N, C-alpha and C. Protein backbone atom coordinates (compact mmCIF):
# COMPACT_ATOMS: atom_id res chain seq x y z
N MET A 1 119.21 150.00 0.10
CA MET A 1 118.28 149.11 0.76
C MET A 1 118.11 147.82 -0.04
N ASN A 2 117.95 146.74 0.65
CA ASN A 2 117.69 145.46 0.02
C ASN A 2 116.24 145.36 -0.39
N THR A 3 115.99 144.82 -1.56
CA THR A 3 114.63 144.54 -1.99
C THR A 3 114.27 143.14 -1.51
N GLN A 4 113.27 143.05 -0.69
CA GLN A 4 112.86 141.76 -0.14
C GLN A 4 112.01 140.96 -1.13
N HIS A 5 111.27 141.66 -1.95
CA HIS A 5 110.37 141.02 -2.91
C HIS A 5 110.90 141.24 -4.32
N GLN A 6 112.08 140.73 -4.62
CA GLN A 6 112.75 140.98 -5.89
C GLN A 6 111.90 140.54 -7.07
N ASN A 7 111.31 139.36 -6.99
CA ASN A 7 110.48 138.85 -8.08
C ASN A 7 109.29 139.77 -8.34
N LEU A 8 108.68 140.25 -7.28
CA LEU A 8 107.54 141.15 -7.44
C LEU A 8 107.99 142.51 -7.96
N ALA A 9 109.13 142.99 -7.49
CA ALA A 9 109.65 144.29 -7.92
C ALA A 9 110.04 144.28 -9.40
N ASN A 10 110.31 143.12 -9.94
CA ASN A 10 110.71 143.00 -11.34
C ASN A 10 109.53 142.94 -12.30
N GLY A 11 108.34 143.27 -11.83
CA GLY A 11 107.19 143.37 -12.72
C GLY A 11 106.02 142.46 -12.39
N ARG A 12 106.25 141.43 -11.63
CA ARG A 12 105.15 140.51 -11.32
C ARG A 12 104.05 141.21 -10.51
N TRP A 13 104.44 142.15 -9.64
CA TRP A 13 103.47 142.86 -8.80
C TRP A 13 102.41 143.55 -9.66
N GLN A 14 102.83 144.07 -10.82
CA GLN A 14 101.90 144.79 -11.69
C GLN A 14 100.92 143.88 -12.41
N THR A 15 101.06 142.57 -12.24
CA THR A 15 100.08 141.64 -12.81
C THR A 15 98.97 141.33 -11.81
N PHE A 16 99.12 141.77 -10.57
CA PHE A 16 98.13 141.51 -9.53
C PHE A 16 97.03 142.57 -9.58
N SER A 17 95.82 142.16 -9.25
CA SER A 17 94.73 143.11 -9.09
C SER A 17 94.98 143.95 -7.83
N LEU A 18 94.25 145.04 -7.71
CA LEU A 18 94.40 145.87 -6.50
C LEU A 18 94.07 145.06 -5.25
N ALA A 19 93.03 144.25 -5.31
CA ALA A 19 92.66 143.42 -4.16
C ALA A 19 93.80 142.45 -3.81
N GLN A 20 94.43 141.86 -4.82
CA GLN A 20 95.55 140.96 -4.57
C GLN A 20 96.72 141.71 -3.96
N GLN A 21 97.00 142.89 -4.46
CA GLN A 21 98.09 143.68 -3.90
C GLN A 21 97.82 144.02 -2.44
N LEU A 22 96.64 144.55 -2.15
CA LEU A 22 96.34 144.94 -0.77
C LEU A 22 96.21 143.72 0.15
N GLY A 23 95.74 142.61 -0.39
CA GLY A 23 95.69 141.38 0.41
C GLY A 23 97.08 140.90 0.79
N ASN A 24 98.01 140.98 -0.16
CA ASN A 24 99.40 140.60 0.13
C ASN A 24 100.06 141.56 1.11
N ILE A 25 99.78 142.83 0.94
CA ILE A 25 100.29 143.82 1.90
C ILE A 25 99.75 143.48 3.28
N GLY A 26 98.47 143.15 3.33
CA GLY A 26 97.84 142.79 4.60
C GLY A 26 98.48 141.59 5.27
N SER A 27 98.97 140.65 4.47
CA SER A 27 99.67 139.49 5.06
C SER A 27 100.91 139.94 5.81
N GLU A 28 101.65 140.87 5.21
CA GLU A 28 102.86 141.37 5.88
C GLU A 28 102.49 142.22 7.10
N VAL A 29 101.44 143.02 6.99
CA VAL A 29 100.99 143.80 8.15
C VAL A 29 100.56 142.84 9.26
N GLY A 30 99.86 141.78 8.90
CA GLY A 30 99.46 140.78 9.89
C GLY A 30 100.64 140.14 10.59
N ARG A 31 101.69 139.86 9.83
CA ARG A 31 102.91 139.31 10.43
C ARG A 31 103.53 140.31 11.39
N ALA A 32 103.57 141.58 10.99
CA ALA A 32 104.12 142.61 11.87
C ALA A 32 103.30 142.72 13.15
N LEU A 33 101.99 142.65 13.04
CA LEU A 33 101.13 142.70 14.22
C LEU A 33 101.38 141.50 15.14
N SER A 34 101.54 140.34 14.54
CA SER A 34 101.79 139.13 15.32
C SER A 34 103.12 139.24 16.08
N TRP A 35 104.16 139.71 15.39
CA TRP A 35 105.45 139.87 16.06
C TRP A 35 105.41 140.95 17.12
N LYS A 36 104.64 142.00 16.88
CA LYS A 36 104.49 143.07 17.87
C LYS A 36 103.85 142.50 19.14
N LYS A 37 102.83 141.69 18.96
CA LYS A 37 102.14 141.07 20.10
C LYS A 37 103.08 140.16 20.89
N LYS A 38 103.99 139.49 20.19
CA LYS A 38 104.95 138.60 20.83
C LYS A 38 106.14 139.36 21.41
N GLY A 39 106.24 140.65 21.12
CA GLY A 39 107.32 141.46 21.66
C GLY A 39 108.65 141.33 20.93
N ASP A 40 108.60 140.82 19.70
CA ASP A 40 109.83 140.66 18.92
C ASP A 40 109.94 141.82 17.94
N SER A 41 110.55 142.91 18.39
CA SER A 41 110.59 144.13 17.57
C SER A 41 111.44 143.95 16.31
N ASP A 42 112.45 143.09 16.35
CA ASP A 42 113.27 142.86 15.17
C ASP A 42 112.42 142.24 14.04
N GLN A 43 111.70 141.18 14.36
CA GLN A 43 110.86 140.53 13.36
C GLN A 43 109.68 141.43 12.96
N GLU A 44 109.16 142.18 13.91
CA GLU A 44 108.09 143.14 13.62
C GLU A 44 108.56 144.16 12.58
N ASN A 45 109.74 144.71 12.80
CA ASN A 45 110.28 145.71 11.87
C ASN A 45 110.56 145.12 10.49
N LYS A 46 111.03 143.88 10.44
CA LYS A 46 111.27 143.23 9.15
C LYS A 46 109.96 143.06 8.37
N ALA A 47 108.92 142.62 9.06
CA ALA A 47 107.61 142.46 8.40
C ALA A 47 107.05 143.80 7.96
N LEU A 48 107.21 144.81 8.81
CA LEU A 48 106.75 146.15 8.47
C LEU A 48 107.51 146.66 7.24
N TYR A 49 108.80 146.47 7.19
CA TYR A 49 109.59 146.90 6.04
C TYR A 49 109.08 146.23 4.76
N ARG A 50 108.79 144.92 4.84
CA ARG A 50 108.28 144.21 3.66
C ARG A 50 106.92 144.78 3.24
N ALA A 51 106.07 145.09 4.21
CA ALA A 51 104.76 145.69 3.90
C ALA A 51 104.94 147.04 3.22
N LEU A 52 105.85 147.86 3.73
CA LEU A 52 106.07 149.18 3.15
C LEU A 52 106.64 149.07 1.74
N GLU A 53 107.49 148.09 1.53
CA GLU A 53 108.01 147.86 0.18
C GLU A 53 106.87 147.53 -0.78
N LEU A 54 105.93 146.71 -0.35
CA LEU A 54 104.79 146.36 -1.20
C LEU A 54 103.87 147.56 -1.42
N PHE A 55 103.66 148.35 -0.37
CA PHE A 55 102.90 149.59 -0.54
C PHE A 55 103.53 150.44 -1.63
N ASP A 56 104.85 150.59 -1.57
CA ASP A 56 105.55 151.44 -2.54
C ASP A 56 105.45 150.88 -3.95
N LEU A 57 105.49 149.56 -4.09
CA LEU A 57 105.30 148.96 -5.41
C LEU A 57 103.90 149.27 -5.93
N SER A 58 102.90 149.22 -5.06
CA SER A 58 101.54 149.54 -5.48
C SER A 58 101.40 151.01 -5.86
N LEU A 59 102.03 151.88 -5.09
CA LEU A 59 101.96 153.31 -5.39
C LEU A 59 102.66 153.65 -6.70
N SER A 60 103.59 152.83 -7.13
CA SER A 60 104.28 153.07 -8.40
C SER A 60 103.63 152.33 -9.57
N ASP A 61 102.56 151.62 -9.32
CA ASP A 61 101.86 150.87 -10.36
C ASP A 61 101.07 151.86 -11.24
N ALA A 62 101.46 151.97 -12.49
CA ALA A 62 100.86 152.96 -13.40
C ALA A 62 99.39 152.69 -13.71
N ARG A 63 98.89 151.52 -13.38
CA ARG A 63 97.48 151.21 -13.67
C ARG A 63 96.51 151.95 -12.75
N TRP A 64 96.95 152.36 -11.58
CA TRP A 64 96.03 152.91 -10.60
C TRP A 64 95.84 154.41 -10.79
N ASP A 65 94.59 154.82 -10.78
CA ASP A 65 94.24 156.23 -10.92
C ASP A 65 94.17 156.87 -9.53
N TYR A 66 93.82 158.15 -9.51
CA TYR A 66 93.84 158.91 -8.26
C TYR A 66 93.06 158.28 -7.11
N PRO A 67 91.81 157.87 -7.28
CA PRO A 67 91.11 157.32 -6.10
C PRO A 67 91.80 156.08 -5.52
N LYS A 68 92.31 155.23 -6.39
CA LYS A 68 92.99 154.02 -5.91
C LYS A 68 94.32 154.37 -5.24
N LEU A 69 95.06 155.28 -5.85
CA LEU A 69 96.33 155.71 -5.25
C LEU A 69 96.10 156.37 -3.90
N LYS A 70 95.04 157.14 -3.80
CA LYS A 70 94.71 157.79 -2.52
C LYS A 70 94.43 156.74 -1.44
N GLU A 71 93.70 155.70 -1.80
CA GLU A 71 93.39 154.63 -0.84
C GLU A 71 94.66 153.91 -0.39
N ILE A 72 95.53 153.60 -1.35
CA ILE A 72 96.79 152.92 -1.03
C ILE A 72 97.64 153.81 -0.12
N ALA A 73 97.75 155.08 -0.48
CA ALA A 73 98.57 156.00 0.31
C ALA A 73 98.00 156.19 1.71
N ARG A 74 96.68 156.28 1.81
CA ARG A 74 96.06 156.44 3.13
C ARG A 74 96.28 155.20 3.98
N ALA A 75 96.14 154.02 3.39
CA ALA A 75 96.38 152.78 4.14
C ALA A 75 97.83 152.74 4.62
N ARG A 76 98.77 153.14 3.76
CA ARG A 76 100.19 153.18 4.15
C ARG A 76 100.40 154.15 5.30
N GLU A 77 99.74 155.30 5.23
CA GLU A 77 99.85 156.31 6.29
C GLU A 77 99.34 155.77 7.63
N VAL A 78 98.22 155.07 7.60
CA VAL A 78 97.63 154.52 8.83
C VAL A 78 98.54 153.44 9.42
N VAL A 79 99.09 152.59 8.56
CA VAL A 79 99.99 151.53 9.03
C VAL A 79 101.25 152.16 9.65
N CYS A 80 101.83 153.15 8.97
CA CYS A 80 103.01 153.83 9.52
C CYS A 80 102.68 154.50 10.84
N ASP A 81 101.53 155.14 10.90
CA ASP A 81 101.12 155.80 12.14
C ASP A 81 100.99 154.80 13.28
N PHE A 82 100.42 153.64 13.00
CA PHE A 82 100.23 152.62 14.03
C PHE A 82 101.57 152.11 14.57
N PHE A 83 102.47 151.79 13.65
CA PHE A 83 103.73 151.16 14.07
C PHE A 83 104.82 152.16 14.45
N CYS A 84 104.80 153.36 13.89
CA CYS A 84 105.96 154.25 14.03
C CYS A 84 105.68 155.63 14.61
N ASN A 85 104.46 156.11 14.55
CA ASN A 85 104.22 157.52 14.83
C ASN A 85 103.29 157.79 16.00
N GLY A 86 103.17 156.91 16.93
CA GLY A 86 102.37 157.18 18.11
C GLY A 86 100.88 156.89 17.98
N ASN A 87 100.47 156.34 16.84
CA ASN A 87 99.08 155.92 16.62
C ASN A 87 98.09 157.06 16.85
N ASP A 88 98.33 158.17 16.18
CA ASP A 88 97.43 159.32 16.27
C ASP A 88 96.02 159.01 15.77
N TYR A 89 95.91 158.04 14.86
CA TYR A 89 94.59 157.67 14.32
C TYR A 89 93.85 156.67 15.21
N ASN A 90 94.48 156.27 16.30
CA ASN A 90 93.87 155.32 17.25
C ASN A 90 93.46 154.01 16.58
N SER A 91 94.29 153.52 15.67
CA SER A 91 94.02 152.23 15.03
C SER A 91 94.26 151.11 16.04
N THR A 92 93.63 150.00 15.79
CA THR A 92 93.83 148.81 16.61
C THR A 92 94.32 147.68 15.71
N PRO A 93 94.96 146.69 16.29
CA PRO A 93 95.34 145.52 15.49
C PRO A 93 94.11 144.88 14.82
N GLU A 94 93.00 144.86 15.53
CA GLU A 94 91.78 144.27 14.98
C GLU A 94 91.29 145.05 13.76
N PHE A 95 91.36 146.38 13.83
CA PHE A 95 90.95 147.20 12.69
C PHE A 95 91.83 146.92 11.48
N LEU A 96 93.15 146.92 11.70
CA LEU A 96 94.08 146.69 10.59
C LEU A 96 93.86 145.31 9.98
N ASP A 97 93.72 144.30 10.82
CA ASP A 97 93.45 142.95 10.31
C ASP A 97 92.17 142.92 9.48
N SER A 98 91.12 143.53 10.00
CA SER A 98 89.83 143.53 9.32
C SER A 98 89.90 144.25 7.98
N TYR A 99 90.56 145.40 7.95
CA TYR A 99 90.67 146.17 6.71
C TYR A 99 91.33 145.34 5.61
N PHE A 100 92.46 144.74 5.92
CA PHE A 100 93.18 143.99 4.90
C PHE A 100 92.55 142.64 4.60
N LEU A 101 91.88 142.04 5.58
CA LEU A 101 91.22 140.75 5.35
C LEU A 101 90.17 140.87 4.25
N ASP A 102 89.46 141.97 4.21
CA ASP A 102 88.44 142.16 3.18
C ASP A 102 89.06 142.09 1.78
N PHE A 103 90.24 142.66 1.61
CA PHE A 103 90.91 142.59 0.31
C PHE A 103 91.39 141.17 0.02
N GLY A 104 91.86 140.47 1.04
CA GLY A 104 92.28 139.09 0.85
C GLY A 104 91.12 138.20 0.42
N ILE A 105 89.97 138.41 1.02
CA ILE A 105 88.77 137.64 0.66
C ILE A 105 88.37 137.95 -0.78
N LEU A 106 88.36 139.23 -1.13
CA LEU A 106 88.02 139.62 -2.50
C LEU A 106 89.01 139.01 -3.50
N ALA A 107 90.29 139.05 -3.18
CA ALA A 107 91.31 138.50 -4.07
C ALA A 107 91.10 137.01 -4.28
N ARG A 108 90.76 136.29 -3.22
CA ARG A 108 90.52 134.85 -3.33
C ARG A 108 89.32 134.56 -4.21
N SER A 109 88.32 135.43 -4.16
CA SER A 109 87.12 135.21 -4.97
C SER A 109 87.37 135.48 -6.46
N GLN A 110 88.46 136.20 -6.77
CA GLN A 110 88.80 136.53 -8.15
C GLN A 110 89.59 135.42 -8.84
N ILE A 111 90.05 134.45 -8.08
CA ILE A 111 90.89 133.38 -8.65
C ILE A 111 90.04 132.43 -9.47
């Protein structure tokens, strides 16, 4: 598989706070939602792949303890369920946007 975020995968991602990581993941999820709404499944899948790559980088970040890893893994599960698994959790685009927006706002306040 190609790494889309090579610079981040090479260690830069581990310099981000959890809020920054989840805010960036949320940007990719937002792009996937936007492409889904436009009916462009190719671009939707590309954005989703980038989001999943960032989720995996966060899950491999040695700084995060169990509660944080659980939150990251649960968010990844909900996103996968929404886009790939029939949406058993009944998530909405508005819910996903709202969840990740909170992290983006927190990350901006940390700058």
